[in-house]
């Protein structure tokens, strides 16, 4: 009997949300990546490069939901 391993997965979508305030000098921002905490599809690690049955290098989020915050300042140095 001939068997063929399958090296593909179903569609995978994540959502992100961010909010920024741009002032004259200061910029504040923050957000959430993978808002719904969507897990990547499982694959056979012997067929493709994977960690814990999650494919590597294919745009999958292996960290789950993450939060971030940014602060930046712009100074006029008068050059």
N, C-alpha and C. Protein backbone atom coordinates (compact mmCIF):
# COMPACT_ATOMS: atom_id res chain seq x y z
N UNK A 1 0.84 -1.16 0.00
CA UNK A 1 0.00 0.00 0.00
C UNK A 1 0.90 1.24 0.00
N UNK A 2 0.69 2.17 -0.91
CA UNK A 2 1.46 3.41 -0.98
C UNK A 2 0.76 4.50 -0.18
N UNK A 3 1.52 5.16 0.68
CA UNK A 3 0.98 6.26 1.48
C UNK A 3 1.79 7.52 1.20
N UNK A 4 1.12 8.62 1.16
CA UNK A 4 1.78 9.90 0.95
C UNK A 4 1.48 10.79 2.15
N UNK A 5 2.58 11.32 2.77
CA UNK A 5 2.39 12.26 3.88
C UNK A 5 1.94 13.60 3.34
N UNK A 6 1.12 14.29 4.11
CA UNK A 6 0.59 15.57 3.71
C UNK A 6 1.36 16.67 4.43
N UNK A 7 1.90 17.62 3.68
CA UNK A 7 2.70 18.71 4.25
C UNK A 7 2.02 20.05 4.13
N UNK A 8 0.70 20.12 4.32
CA UNK A 8 0.00 21.39 4.25
C UNK A 8 -1.03 21.45 5.39
N UNK A 9 -1.55 22.65 5.66
CA UNK A 9 -2.53 22.85 6.72
C UNK A 9 -3.69 23.68 6.20
N UNK A 10 -4.71 23.80 7.02
CA UNK A 10 -5.86 24.64 6.68
C UNK A 10 -5.50 26.11 6.83
N UNK A 11 -6.41 26.99 6.40
CA UNK A 11 -6.19 28.43 6.55
C UNK A 11 -6.06 28.81 8.02
N UNK A 12 -5.29 29.87 8.27
CA UNK A 12 -5.00 30.31 9.63
C UNK A 12 -5.02 31.83 9.65
N UNK A 13 -5.87 32.43 10.48
CA UNK A 13 -6.00 33.87 10.55
C UNK A 13 -5.77 34.34 11.98
N UNK A 14 -5.06 35.47 12.13
CA UNK A 14 -4.94 36.12 13.42
C UNK A 14 -5.38 37.57 13.25
N UNK A 15 -5.74 38.20 14.35
CA UNK A 15 -6.18 39.59 14.32
C UNK A 15 -5.31 40.40 15.26
N UNK A 16 -5.08 41.65 14.89
CA UNK A 16 -4.29 42.55 15.72
C UNK A 16 -5.06 43.85 15.92
N UNK A 17 -4.75 44.53 17.02
CA UNK A 17 -5.40 45.78 17.36
C UNK A 17 -4.34 46.72 17.91
N UNK A 18 -4.33 47.96 17.43
CA UNK A 18 -3.37 48.94 17.96
C UNK A 18 -4.00 50.32 17.99
N UNK A 19 -3.47 51.16 18.88
CA UNK A 19 -3.95 52.51 19.04
C UNK A 19 -2.75 53.40 19.31
N UNK A 20 -2.65 54.52 18.58
CA UNK A 20 -1.51 55.43 18.71
C UNK A 20 -1.99 56.86 18.88
N UNK A 21 -1.22 57.64 19.63
CA UNK A 21 -1.42 59.08 19.76
C UNK A 21 -0.14 59.74 19.27
N UNK A 22 -0.28 60.64 18.28
CA UNK A 22 0.86 61.37 17.72
C UNK A 22 0.76 62.83 18.13
N UNK A 23 1.64 63.25 19.04
CA UNK A 23 1.68 64.65 19.47
C UNK A 23 2.79 65.38 18.73
N UNK A 24 3.04 66.64 19.11
CA UNK A 24 4.11 67.41 18.48
C UNK A 24 5.48 66.83 18.77
N UNK A 25 5.70 66.36 19.99
CA UNK A 25 7.00 65.80 20.37
C UNK A 25 6.88 64.31 20.69
N UNK A 26 5.86 63.92 21.42
CA UNK A 26 5.73 62.54 21.91
C UNK A 26 4.75 61.73 21.06
N UNK A 27 5.06 60.45 20.94
CA UNK A 27 4.16 59.48 20.32
C UNK A 27 4.00 58.32 21.30
N UNK A 28 2.76 57.98 21.60
CA UNK A 28 2.45 56.86 22.48
C UNK A 28 1.61 55.86 21.71
N UNK A 29 1.88 54.60 21.89
CA UNK A 29 1.09 53.59 21.20
C UNK A 29 1.16 52.26 21.90
N UNK A 30 0.21 51.44 21.59
CA UNK A 30 0.18 50.10 22.16
C UNK A 30 -0.81 49.25 21.41
N UNK A 31 -0.76 47.97 21.69
CA UNK A 31 -1.69 47.09 21.01
C UNK A 31 -1.59 45.65 21.46
N UNK A 32 -2.33 44.83 20.76
CA UNK A 32 -2.39 43.39 21.03
C UNK A 32 -2.21 42.66 19.70
N UNK A 33 -1.35 41.68 19.68
CA UNK A 33 -1.19 40.80 18.52
C UNK A 33 -1.88 39.47 18.83
N UNK A 34 -2.52 38.88 17.84
CA UNK A 34 -3.26 37.63 18.00
C UNK A 34 -4.33 37.79 19.08
N UNK A 35 -5.24 38.73 18.87
CA UNK A 35 -6.25 39.11 19.84
C UNK A 35 -7.06 37.91 20.34
N UNK A 36 -7.42 37.02 19.46
CA UNK A 36 -8.26 35.87 19.83
C UNK A 36 -7.44 34.69 20.34
N UNK A 37 -6.11 34.87 20.48
CA UNK A 37 -5.20 33.82 20.96
C UNK A 37 -5.37 32.52 20.15
N UNK A 38 -5.38 32.67 18.84
CA UNK A 38 -5.55 31.55 17.91
C UNK A 38 -4.30 30.68 17.87
N UNK A 39 -4.45 29.38 18.06
CA UNK A 39 -3.31 28.47 18.01
C UNK A 39 -3.02 28.07 16.56
N UNK A 40 -1.73 27.93 16.22
CA UNK A 40 -1.39 27.51 14.85
C UNK A 40 -1.78 26.05 14.63
N UNK A 41 -1.94 25.64 13.37
CA UNK A 41 -2.31 24.26 13.08
C UNK A 41 -1.20 23.29 13.44
N UNK A 42 -1.57 22.07 13.75
CA UNK A 42 -0.60 21.03 14.08
C UNK A 42 -0.16 20.34 12.79
N UNK A 43 1.12 19.96 12.74
CA UNK A 43 1.66 19.27 11.58
C UNK A 43 2.54 18.11 12.04
N UNK A 44 2.92 17.28 11.11
CA UNK A 44 3.85 16.18 11.38
C UNK A 44 5.27 16.74 11.34
N UNK A 45 5.93 16.79 12.49
CA UNK A 45 7.27 17.34 12.59
C UNK A 45 8.33 16.57 11.84
N UNK A 46 8.03 15.36 11.41
CA UNK A 46 9.00 14.59 10.62
C UNK A 46 8.95 14.96 9.14
N UNK A 47 7.90 15.67 8.73
CA UNK A 47 7.75 16.05 7.33
C UNK A 47 8.30 17.43 7.02
N UNK A 48 8.12 18.38 7.95
CA UNK A 48 8.59 19.74 7.75
C UNK A 48 9.26 20.21 9.03
N UNK A 49 10.03 21.31 8.95
CA UNK A 49 10.69 21.85 10.12
C UNK A 49 9.63 22.39 11.08
N UNK A 50 9.65 21.87 12.32
CA UNK A 50 8.61 22.23 13.28
C UNK A 50 9.15 22.20 14.70
N UNK A 51 8.49 22.95 15.58
CA UNK A 51 8.72 22.88 17.02
C UNK A 51 7.37 22.59 17.66
N UNK A 52 7.31 21.55 18.48
CA UNK A 52 6.06 21.15 19.13
C UNK A 52 4.92 21.03 18.13
N UNK A 53 5.16 20.43 17.00
CA UNK A 53 4.17 20.19 15.96
C UNK A 53 3.61 21.46 15.34
N UNK A 54 4.36 22.58 15.42
CA UNK A 54 3.98 23.83 14.79
C UNK A 54 5.00 24.16 13.72
N UNK A 55 4.57 24.42 12.48
CA UNK A 55 5.52 24.69 11.40
C UNK A 55 6.29 25.99 11.62
N UNK A 56 7.60 25.95 11.35
CA UNK A 56 8.45 27.12 11.48
C UNK A 56 8.62 27.83 10.15
N UNK A 57 8.75 29.14 10.19
CA UNK A 57 9.05 29.91 8.99
C UNK A 57 7.89 30.09 8.03
N UNK A 58 6.70 29.87 8.49
CA UNK A 58 5.54 29.97 7.59
C UNK A 58 4.57 31.05 8.03
N UNK A 59 4.99 31.94 8.94
CA UNK A 59 4.14 33.04 9.37
C UNK A 59 3.17 32.68 10.48
N UNK A 60 3.36 31.55 11.14
CA UNK A 60 2.48 31.17 12.24
C UNK A 60 2.96 31.80 13.53
N UNK A 61 2.02 32.20 14.37
CA UNK A 61 2.33 32.82 15.65
C UNK A 61 2.43 31.74 16.70
N UNK A 62 3.65 31.42 17.14
CA UNK A 62 3.82 30.37 18.15
C UNK A 62 3.83 30.93 19.57
N UNK A 63 3.75 32.27 19.72
CA UNK A 63 3.76 32.89 21.04
C UNK A 63 2.38 33.12 21.62
N UNK A 64 1.35 33.03 20.81
CA UNK A 64 0.01 33.32 21.31
C UNK A 64 -0.23 34.82 21.41
N UNK A 65 -1.19 35.21 22.23
CA UNK A 65 -1.54 36.63 22.38
C UNK A 65 -0.38 37.36 23.05
N UNK A 66 0.02 38.51 22.46
CA UNK A 66 1.08 39.34 23.05
C UNK A 66 0.63 40.79 23.05
N UNK A 67 1.15 41.53 24.03
CA UNK A 67 0.84 42.94 24.20
C UNK A 67 2.11 43.75 23.99
N UNK A 68 1.97 44.98 23.53
CA UNK A 68 3.13 45.84 23.37
C UNK A 68 2.75 47.29 23.62
N UNK A 69 3.77 48.09 23.98
CA UNK A 69 3.60 49.51 24.23
C UNK A 69 4.83 50.23 23.71
N UNK A 70 4.64 51.33 22.99
CA UNK A 70 5.73 52.10 22.41
C UNK A 70 5.65 53.55 22.86
N UNK A 71 6.83 54.13 23.10
CA UNK A 71 6.94 55.56 23.39
C UNK A 71 8.08 56.09 22.55
N UNK A 72 7.87 57.23 21.88
CA UNK A 72 8.92 57.84 21.07
C UNK A 72 8.84 59.35 21.21
N UNK A 73 10.00 59.99 21.08
CA UNK A 73 10.06 61.45 21.13
C UNK A 73 10.83 61.94 19.91
N UNK A 74 10.37 63.06 19.36
CA UNK A 74 11.02 63.68 18.21
C UNK A 74 11.49 65.07 18.64
N UNK A 75 12.79 65.32 18.47
CA UNK A 75 13.37 66.60 18.88
C UNK A 75 13.88 67.34 17.66
N UNK A 76 13.57 68.63 17.58
CA UNK A 76 14.07 69.47 16.48
C UNK A 76 15.46 69.98 16.91
N UNK A 77 16.49 69.48 16.23
CA UNK A 77 17.86 69.86 16.61
C UNK A 77 18.33 71.07 15.84
N UNK A 78 17.55 71.60 14.95
CA UNK A 78 17.85 72.82 14.21
C UNK A 78 19.08 72.73 13.31
N UNK A 79 19.23 71.61 12.62
CA UNK A 79 20.38 71.48 11.71
C UNK A 79 20.18 72.27 10.49
